[in-house]
Amino acid sequence: MTEKPPQKMTEKLPERPAAELPGTPDEGGAMIDREQVRNIAYLIRLALTDEEVEVFSAQLSTIVDYFDSLAEVDVEGIPPYQHPQLPRERLREDVVQPSMPRDDLLANAPQHQDGLVRVPVVLSGPDTDEA
């Protein structure tokens, strides 16, 4: 079952039963197969080419294999790492100070409207005013 990821972040992903999800624990091994990579890409709404799926499958499998090899390291008798307590940085007191007058600030702004600085639209959507 290959579904296209939603084109907009507001679109809801269809529900998928756990039985349909790749990478269930029954499969065993550390191999991250192409279907698992596609499922991850689907969940994070990332479009991948077939070549990218192959590359990520191999890279993720290598990473998982490395972590599996760490489980074989004998750590008996080695105490857990403890981070040393560092002195807290001293911060200045939070004191109210006069700020730049609004008229001076707006005089330096390329665009302003109703006493506010106007900036270009960064995100567009149905509620934005693109002027």
Protein backbone atom coordinates (compact mmCIF):
# COMPACT_ATOMS: atom_id res chain seq x y z
CA MET A 1 0.00 0.00 0.00
CA THR A 2 1.90 3.04 -1.23
CA GLU A 3 0.22 6.35 -0.61
CA LYS A 4 1.46 9.76 -1.59
CA PRO A 5 2.28 12.04 1.32
CA PRO A 6 -0.09 14.99 1.76
CA GLN A 7 0.97 18.06 -0.19
CA LYS A 8 0.00 20.46 2.60
CA MET A 9 0.82 20.13 6.28
CA THR A 10 -2.85 20.69 7.07
CA GLU A 11 -3.94 17.54 5.24
CA LYS A 12 -4.53 14.62 7.59
CA LEU A 13 -2.70 11.36 7.05
CA PRO A 14 -4.99 8.36 6.58
CA GLU A 15 -5.06 5.90 9.46
CA ARG A 16 -2.91 2.81 8.86
CA PRO A 17 -3.32 -0.33 10.98
CA ALA A 18 -0.13 -1.52 12.68
CA ALA A 19 -0.26 -4.75 10.64
CA GLU A 20 0.32 -2.70 7.46
CA LEU A 21 3.33 -0.84 8.83
CA PRO A 22 6.68 -2.21 7.71
CA GLY A 23 9.39 -3.03 10.18
CA THR A 24 7.38 -4.96 12.72
CA PRO A 25 9.50 -6.76 15.35
CA ASP A 26 8.75 -10.16 13.74
CA GLU A 27 11.09 -9.43 10.83
CA GLY A 28 14.28 -9.62 12.91
CA GLY A 29 17.70 -8.37 11.87
CA ALA A 30 18.94 -4.82 11.66
CA MET A 31 18.21 -4.32 7.98
CA ILE A 32 16.19 -1.18 7.33
CA ASP A 33 14.41 -2.09 4.12
CA ARG A 34 13.10 0.20 1.41
CA GLU A 35 9.52 -0.08 2.65
CA GLN A 36 10.55 1.13 6.11
CA VAL A 37 12.34 4.12 4.58
CA ARG A 38 9.26 4.91 2.47
CA ASN A 39 7.05 4.67 5.58
CA ILE A 40 9.30 7.07 7.51
CA ALA A 41 9.33 9.45 4.55
CA TYR A 42 5.53 9.20 4.37
CA LEU A 43 5.15 10.00 8.08
CA ILE A 44 7.36 13.08 7.85
CA ARG A 45 5.90 14.10 4.51
CA LEU A 46 9.15 13.79 2.61
CA ALA A 47 9.18 12.88 -1.07
CA LEU A 48 12.08 10.57 -1.92
CA THR A 49 13.23 9.19 -5.25
CA ASP A 50 13.90 5.45 -5.60
CA GLU A 51 17.63 6.18 -5.58
CA GLU A 52 17.34 8.14 -2.33
CA VAL A 53 15.31 5.32 -0.76
CA GLU A 54 18.12 2.88 -1.63
CA VAL A 55 20.81 5.17 -0.20
CA PHE A 56 18.90 5.87 3.02
CA SER A 57 18.08 2.19 3.46
CA ALA A 58 21.79 1.29 3.33
CA GLN A 59 22.85 4.21 5.54
CA LEU A 60 20.21 3.57 8.20
CA SER A 61 21.03 -0.15 8.23
CA THR A 62 24.70 0.70 8.82
CA ILE A 63 23.77 2.98 11.72
CA VAL A 64 21.55 0.34 13.34
CA ASP A 65 24.26 -2.30 12.89
CA TYR A 66 26.76 0.00 14.60
CA PHE A 67 24.46 0.46 17.60
CA ASP A 68 23.93 -3.31 17.72
CA SER A 69 27.72 -3.78 17.87
CA LEU A 70 27.87 -1.42 20.88
CA ALA A 71 25.69 -3.86 22.80
CA GLU A 72 28.53 -6.42 22.57
CA VAL A 73 31.04 -4.18 24.42
CA ASP A 74 31.93 -5.46 27.90
CA VAL A 75 31.24 -2.58 30.31
CA GLU A 76 31.26 -4.57 33.52
CA GLY A 77 33.10 -2.72 36.27
CA ILE A 78 32.98 0.61 34.43
CA PRO A 79 31.04 3.20 36.43
CA PRO A 80 28.40 5.21 34.57
CA TYR A 81 29.51 8.59 33.31
CA GLN A 82 28.61 11.49 35.55
CA HIS A 83 28.70 15.01 34.23
CA PRO A 84 30.71 17.32 36.48
CA GLN A 85 28.78 20.09 38.17
CA LEU A 86 29.82 23.35 36.57
CA PRO A 87 29.20 26.65 38.30
CA ARG A 88 26.15 28.46 36.99
CA GLU A 89 26.90 31.44 34.84
CA ARG A 90 26.23 34.74 36.45
CA LEU A 91 23.64 36.69 34.55
CA ARG A 92 23.00 40.38 34.81
CA GLU A 93 20.02 41.55 36.77
CA ASP A 94 16.83 41.90 34.81
CA VAL A 95 16.31 45.64 35.09
CA VAL A 96 13.78 47.65 33.09
CA GLN A 97 15.58 50.16 30.88
CA PRO A 98 14.21 52.69 28.41
CA SER A 99 14.12 51.40 24.84
CA MET A 100 14.36 53.17 21.49
CA PRO A 101 11.48 55.58 20.90
CA ARG A 102 8.88 54.17 18.50
CA ASP A 103 9.23 57.06 16.03
CA ASP A 104 13.01 56.50 15.78
CA LEU A 105 12.49 52.78 15.20
CA LEU A 106 9.85 53.34 12.52
CA ALA A 107 12.06 55.95 10.83
CA ASN A 108 14.61 53.17 10.18
CA ALA A 109 12.08 50.57 9.03
CA PRO A 110 11.71 50.18 5.24
CA GLN A 111 7.92 49.78 5.65
CA HIS A 112 5.58 50.47 8.53
CA GLN A 113 1.85 50.58 9.02
CA ASP A 114 -0.28 51.68 12.00
CA GLY A 115 2.78 52.09 14.22
CA LEU A 116 4.13 48.61 13.45
CA VAL A 117 7.02 47.42 11.28
CA ARG A 118 5.75 45.70 8.15
CA VAL A 119 7.75 42.67 6.97
CA PRO A 120 7.46 40.42 3.91
CA VAL A 121 5.13 37.41 4.14
CA VAL A 122 7.11 34.34 5.21
CA LEU A 123 4.31 31.76 5.36
CA SER A 124 1.31 32.00 3.12
CA GLY A 125 -2.08 30.53 3.74
CA PRO A 126 -5.80 31.29 3.60
CA ASP A 127 -5.58 33.75 6.53
CA THR A 128 -2.56 35.74 5.32
CA ASP A 129 -2.77 39.12 3.69
CA GLU A 130 -0.34 39.07 0.78
CA ALA A 131 -0.09 42.64 -0.38
